[in-house]
Amino acid sequence: MNRVDRTRYHAQADAVLGMPAASIVDYATATAAGLIVMGTHGRTGLAHLLMGSVAEQVVRTAPCPVLTVRQVTVTDELVGNVTDMRLAIAV
């Protein structure tokens, strides 16, 4: 994507106080957000059952598409070997 293409997209980051899932959904609704991008821990099983998932609540109740990104642990050696990284983002 070149610089001209980037001008078509507008990203915004804000901090909002309150219950996480409800605050995110309310903010997205109030600002007519076109996409929510948020991280997730990727917990499963008992940990997911006990702790719940803010990302899951947002995905279920958001007024727009939600892109969740799971954290991946990468060693310093692998990061040093990365020469070309391509990202695919569906909007």
N, C-alpha and C. Protein backbone atom coordinates (compact mmCIF):
# COMPACT_ATOMS: atom_id res chain seq x y z
N MET A 1 0.85 -1.16 0.00
CA MET A 1 0.00 0.00 0.00
C MET A 1 0.91 1.24 0.00
N ASN A 2 0.70 2.13 -0.92
CA ASN A 2 1.52 3.34 -0.97
C ASN A 2 0.89 4.44 -0.12
N ARG A 3 1.58 5.56 -0.02
CA ARG A 3 1.11 6.66 0.84
C ARG A 3 -0.23 7.23 0.38
N VAL A 4 -0.47 7.25 -0.91
CA VAL A 4 -1.74 7.78 -1.42
C VAL A 4 -2.88 6.90 -0.93
N ASP A 5 -2.70 5.58 -0.97
CA ASP A 5 -3.74 4.66 -0.51
C ASP A 5 -4.01 4.84 0.99
N ARG A 6 -2.97 5.11 1.77
CA ARG A 6 -3.12 5.25 3.22
C ARG A 6 -4.00 6.43 3.61
N THR A 7 -4.07 7.45 2.79
CA THR A 7 -4.86 8.62 3.15
C THR A 7 -6.36 8.32 3.16
N ARG A 8 -6.77 7.22 2.56
CA ARG A 8 -8.18 6.85 2.56
C ARG A 8 -8.64 6.29 3.90
N TYR A 9 -7.70 5.85 4.74
CA TYR A 9 -8.03 5.19 5.99
C TYR A 9 -7.71 6.09 7.17
N HIS A 10 -8.61 6.10 8.13
CA HIS A 10 -8.44 6.94 9.31
C HIS A 10 -8.58 6.07 10.55
N ALA A 11 -7.55 6.04 11.38
CA ALA A 11 -7.58 5.28 12.63
C ALA A 11 -7.57 6.25 13.79
N GLN A 12 -8.21 5.84 14.87
CA GLN A 12 -8.30 6.70 16.04
C GLN A 12 -8.18 5.82 17.27
N ALA A 13 -7.43 6.26 18.27
CA ALA A 13 -7.30 5.54 19.53
C ALA A 13 -7.68 6.49 20.66
N ASP A 14 -8.53 6.04 21.56
CA ASP A 14 -8.96 6.85 22.70
C ASP A 14 -9.01 5.99 23.95
N ALA A 15 -8.98 6.63 25.11
CA ALA A 15 -9.12 5.94 26.39
C ALA A 15 -10.48 6.31 26.97
N VAL A 16 -11.23 5.30 27.40
CA VAL A 16 -12.56 5.51 27.95
C VAL A 16 -12.66 4.72 29.25
N LEU A 17 -13.24 5.32 30.28
CA LEU A 17 -13.38 4.65 31.58
C LEU A 17 -14.72 3.93 31.64
N GLY A 18 -14.73 2.79 32.35
CA GLY A 18 -15.97 2.05 32.56
C GLY A 18 -15.75 0.56 32.42
N MET A 19 -16.83 -0.18 32.40
CA MET A 19 -16.75 -1.63 32.20
C MET A 19 -16.25 -1.85 30.77
N PRO A 20 -15.19 -2.65 30.60
CA PRO A 20 -14.52 -2.73 29.31
C PRO A 20 -15.41 -3.02 28.10
N ALA A 21 -16.11 -4.13 28.09
CA ALA A 21 -16.89 -4.50 26.91
C ALA A 21 -17.98 -3.47 26.61
N ALA A 22 -18.73 -3.09 27.63
CA ALA A 22 -19.82 -2.13 27.44
C ALA A 22 -19.28 -0.77 26.98
N SER A 23 -18.16 -0.33 27.55
CA SER A 23 -17.57 0.96 27.17
C SER A 23 -17.11 0.96 25.72
N ILE A 24 -16.50 -0.14 25.29
CA ILE A 24 -16.03 -0.24 23.91
C ILE A 24 -17.21 -0.20 22.94
N VAL A 25 -18.24 -0.97 23.24
CA VAL A 25 -19.42 -1.02 22.36
C VAL A 25 -20.14 0.33 22.35
N ASP A 26 -20.29 0.95 23.52
CA ASP A 26 -20.95 2.26 23.59
C ASP A 26 -20.16 3.31 22.81
N TYR A 27 -18.85 3.30 22.94
CA TYR A 27 -18.01 4.26 22.22
C TYR A 27 -18.10 4.04 20.72
N ALA A 28 -18.06 2.79 20.30
CA ALA A 28 -18.16 2.48 18.87
C ALA A 28 -19.51 2.94 18.31
N THR A 29 -20.55 2.77 19.08
CA THR A 29 -21.88 3.21 18.66
C THR A 29 -21.95 4.73 18.57
N ALA A 30 -21.42 5.41 19.60
CA ALA A 30 -21.49 6.87 19.66
C ALA A 30 -20.68 7.54 18.55
N THR A 31 -19.59 6.90 18.15
CA THR A 31 -18.72 7.51 17.13
C THR A 31 -18.94 6.94 15.74
N ALA A 32 -19.92 6.05 15.60
CA ALA A 32 -20.22 5.40 14.31
C ALA A 32 -18.98 4.73 13.74
N ALA A 33 -18.27 4.00 14.60
CA ALA A 33 -17.05 3.32 14.18
C ALA A 33 -17.34 2.30 13.09
N GLY A 34 -16.44 2.17 12.14
CA GLY A 34 -16.60 1.21 11.06
C GLY A 34 -15.92 -0.11 11.35
N LEU A 35 -14.99 -0.13 12.33
CA LEU A 35 -14.24 -1.34 12.67
C LEU A 35 -13.63 -1.17 14.04
N ILE A 36 -13.70 -2.22 14.86
CA ILE A 36 -13.02 -2.26 16.15
C ILE A 36 -11.88 -3.27 16.02
N VAL A 37 -10.67 -2.86 16.39
CA VAL A 37 -9.53 -3.77 16.40
C VAL A 37 -9.08 -3.91 17.84
N MET A 38 -9.01 -5.15 18.32
CA MET A 38 -8.63 -5.36 19.71
C MET A 38 -7.85 -6.65 19.88
N GLY A 39 -7.02 -6.67 20.90
CA GLY A 39 -6.22 -7.85 21.19
C GLY A 39 -6.99 -8.84 22.04
N THR A 40 -6.55 -10.09 22.01
CA THR A 40 -7.13 -11.14 22.84
C THR A 40 -6.01 -12.04 23.33
N HIS A 41 -6.19 -12.62 24.51
CA HIS A 41 -5.18 -13.51 25.08
C HIS A 41 -5.27 -14.91 24.50
N GLY A 42 -6.39 -15.26 23.92
CA GLY A 42 -6.54 -16.59 23.33
C GLY A 42 -6.73 -17.69 24.36
N ARG A 43 -7.28 -17.34 25.52
CA ARG A 43 -7.49 -18.36 26.56
C ARG A 43 -8.58 -19.34 26.13
N THR A 44 -8.43 -20.57 26.58
CA THR A 44 -9.43 -21.60 26.29
C THR A 44 -9.72 -22.37 27.57
N GLY A 45 -10.70 -23.22 27.51
CA GLY A 45 -10.99 -24.13 28.61
C GLY A 45 -11.40 -23.43 29.89
N LEU A 46 -10.87 -23.92 31.01
CA LEU A 46 -11.23 -23.44 32.33
C LEU A 46 -10.87 -21.97 32.52
N ALA A 47 -9.71 -21.55 32.02
CA ALA A 47 -9.30 -20.14 32.16
C ALA A 47 -10.30 -19.22 31.47
N HIS A 48 -10.78 -19.62 30.30
CA HIS A 48 -11.77 -18.82 29.57
C HIS A 48 -13.09 -18.79 30.33
N LEU A 49 -13.49 -19.94 30.86
CA LEU A 49 -14.75 -20.04 31.58
C LEU A 49 -14.73 -19.17 32.83
N LEU A 50 -13.63 -19.18 33.58
CA LEU A 50 -13.54 -18.43 34.82
C LEU A 50 -13.34 -16.93 34.60
N MET A 51 -12.55 -16.57 33.62
CA MET A 51 -12.21 -15.17 33.42
C MET A 51 -13.11 -14.47 32.42
N GLY A 52 -13.78 -15.21 31.55
CA GLY A 52 -14.59 -14.59 30.53
C GLY A 52 -13.70 -13.96 29.47
N SER A 53 -14.30 -13.25 28.57
CA SER A 53 -13.53 -12.64 27.50
C SER A 53 -14.19 -11.33 27.09
N VAL A 54 -13.46 -10.23 27.29
CA VAL A 54 -13.96 -8.94 26.86
C VAL A 54 -14.12 -8.94 25.34
N ALA A 55 -13.13 -9.51 24.65
CA ALA A 55 -13.18 -9.55 23.19
C ALA A 55 -14.44 -10.30 22.72
N GLU A 56 -14.75 -11.40 23.36
CA GLU A 56 -15.92 -12.18 22.96
C GLU A 56 -17.20 -11.38 23.16
N GLN A 57 -17.31 -10.67 24.29
CA GLN A 57 -18.50 -9.84 24.54
C GLN A 57 -18.62 -8.73 23.51
N VAL A 58 -17.49 -8.13 23.14
CA VAL A 58 -17.52 -7.06 22.14
C VAL A 58 -17.93 -7.62 20.79
N VAL A 59 -17.36 -8.77 20.40
CA VAL A 59 -17.71 -9.39 19.12
C VAL A 59 -19.21 -9.66 19.05
N ARG A 60 -19.79 -10.11 20.14
CA ARG A 60 -21.21 -10.47 20.15
C ARG A 60 -22.15 -9.26 20.12
N THR A 61 -21.69 -8.11 20.65
CA THR A 61 -22.61 -6.99 20.81
C THR A 61 -22.25 -5.73 20.03
N ALA A 62 -21.12 -5.73 19.34
CA ALA A 62 -20.67 -4.52 18.64
C ALA A 62 -21.57 -4.17 17.46
N PRO A 63 -21.69 -2.87 17.17
CA PRO A 63 -22.51 -2.43 16.05
C PRO A 63 -21.76 -2.47 14.71
N CYS A 64 -20.51 -2.93 14.73
CA CYS A 64 -19.68 -2.96 13.52
C CYS A 64 -18.77 -4.19 13.58
N PRO A 65 -18.06 -4.49 12.51
CA PRO A 65 -17.15 -5.64 12.53
C PRO A 65 -16.05 -5.46 13.58
N VAL A 66 -15.57 -6.59 14.12
CA VAL A 66 -14.52 -6.58 15.13
C VAL A 66 -13.39 -7.49 14.65
N LEU A 67 -12.18 -6.95 14.61
CA LEU A 67 -10.99 -7.71 14.24
C LEU A 67 -10.23 -7.99 15.53
N THR A 68 -10.11 -9.28 15.90
CA THR A 68 -9.35 -9.63 17.10
C THR A 68 -8.00 -10.18 16.68
N VAL A 69 -6.98 -9.82 17.46
CA VAL A 69 -5.61 -10.22 17.18
C VAL A 69 -5.07 -10.92 18.41
N ARG A 70 -4.64 -12.17 18.24
CA ARG A 70 -4.09 -12.94 19.36
C ARG A 70 -2.61 -12.66 19.49
N GLN A 71 -2.16 -12.50 20.75
CA GLN A 71 -0.75 -12.26 21.02
C GLN A 71 0.05 -13.51 20.71
N VAL A 72 1.15 -13.34 20.01
CA VAL A 72 2.04 -14.45 19.69
C VAL A 72 3.41 -14.14 20.26
N THR A 73 3.99 -15.09 20.97
CA THR A 73 5.32 -14.90 21.53
C THR A 73 6.35 -15.27 20.47
N VAL A 74 7.27 -14.35 20.23
CA VAL A 74 8.30 -14.56 19.23
C VAL A 74 9.65 -14.32 19.89
N THR A 75 10.61 -15.18 19.65
CA THR A 75 11.94 -14.99 20.22
C THR A 75 12.69 -13.89 19.48
N ASP A 76 13.65 -13.30 20.16
CA ASP A 76 14.46 -12.23 19.55
C ASP A 76 15.17 -12.71 18.29
N GLU A 77 15.57 -13.97 18.26
CA GLU A 77 16.26 -14.51 17.08
C GLU A 77 15.36 -14.46 15.85
N LEU A 78 14.09 -14.82 16.03
CA LEU A 78 13.16 -14.82 14.90
C LEU A 78 12.87 -13.40 14.43
N VAL A 79 12.76 -12.47 15.37
CA VAL A 79 12.48 -11.09 14.99
C VAL A 79 13.64 -10.54 14.18
N GLY A 80 14.86 -10.89 14.55
CA GLY A 80 16.04 -10.42 13.83
C GLY A 80 16.10 -10.93 12.40
N ASN A 81 15.45 -12.05 12.12
CA ASN A 81 15.48 -12.64 10.78
C ASN A 81 14.35 -12.16 9.88
N VAL A 82 13.43 -11.37 10.41
CA VAL A 82 12.30 -10.89 9.60
C VAL A 82 12.80 -9.78 8.68
N THR A 83 12.65 -9.99 7.38
CA THR A 83 13.06 -8.97 6.41
C THR A 83 11.87 -8.36 5.68
N ASP A 84 10.77 -9.10 5.62
CA ASP A 84 9.60 -8.60 4.91
C ASP A 84 8.36 -9.12 5.62
N MET A 85 7.53 -8.22 6.11
CA MET A 85 6.32 -8.64 6.81
C MET A 85 5.12 -8.06 6.07
N ARG A 86 4.18 -8.91 5.73
CA ARG A 86 2.96 -8.47 5.05
C ARG A 86 1.77 -8.73 5.95
N LEU A 87 0.88 -7.78 6.03
CA LEU A 87 -0.32 -7.91 6.84
C LEU A 87 -1.55 -7.92 5.95
N ALA A 88 -2.44 -8.84 6.23
CA ALA A 88 -3.71 -8.88 5.51
C ALA A 88 -4.79 -8.42 6.46
N ILE A 89 -5.49 -7.36 6.13
CA ILE A 89 -6.55 -6.83 6.97
C ILE A 89 -7.84 -6.79 6.17
N ALA A 90 -8.84 -7.47 6.68
CA ALA A 90 -10.15 -7.48 6.01
C ALA A 90 -11.02 -6.41 6.63
N VAL A 91 -11.56 -5.54 5.82
CA VAL A 91 -12.43 -4.48 6.32
C VAL A 91 -13.79 -4.61 5.69
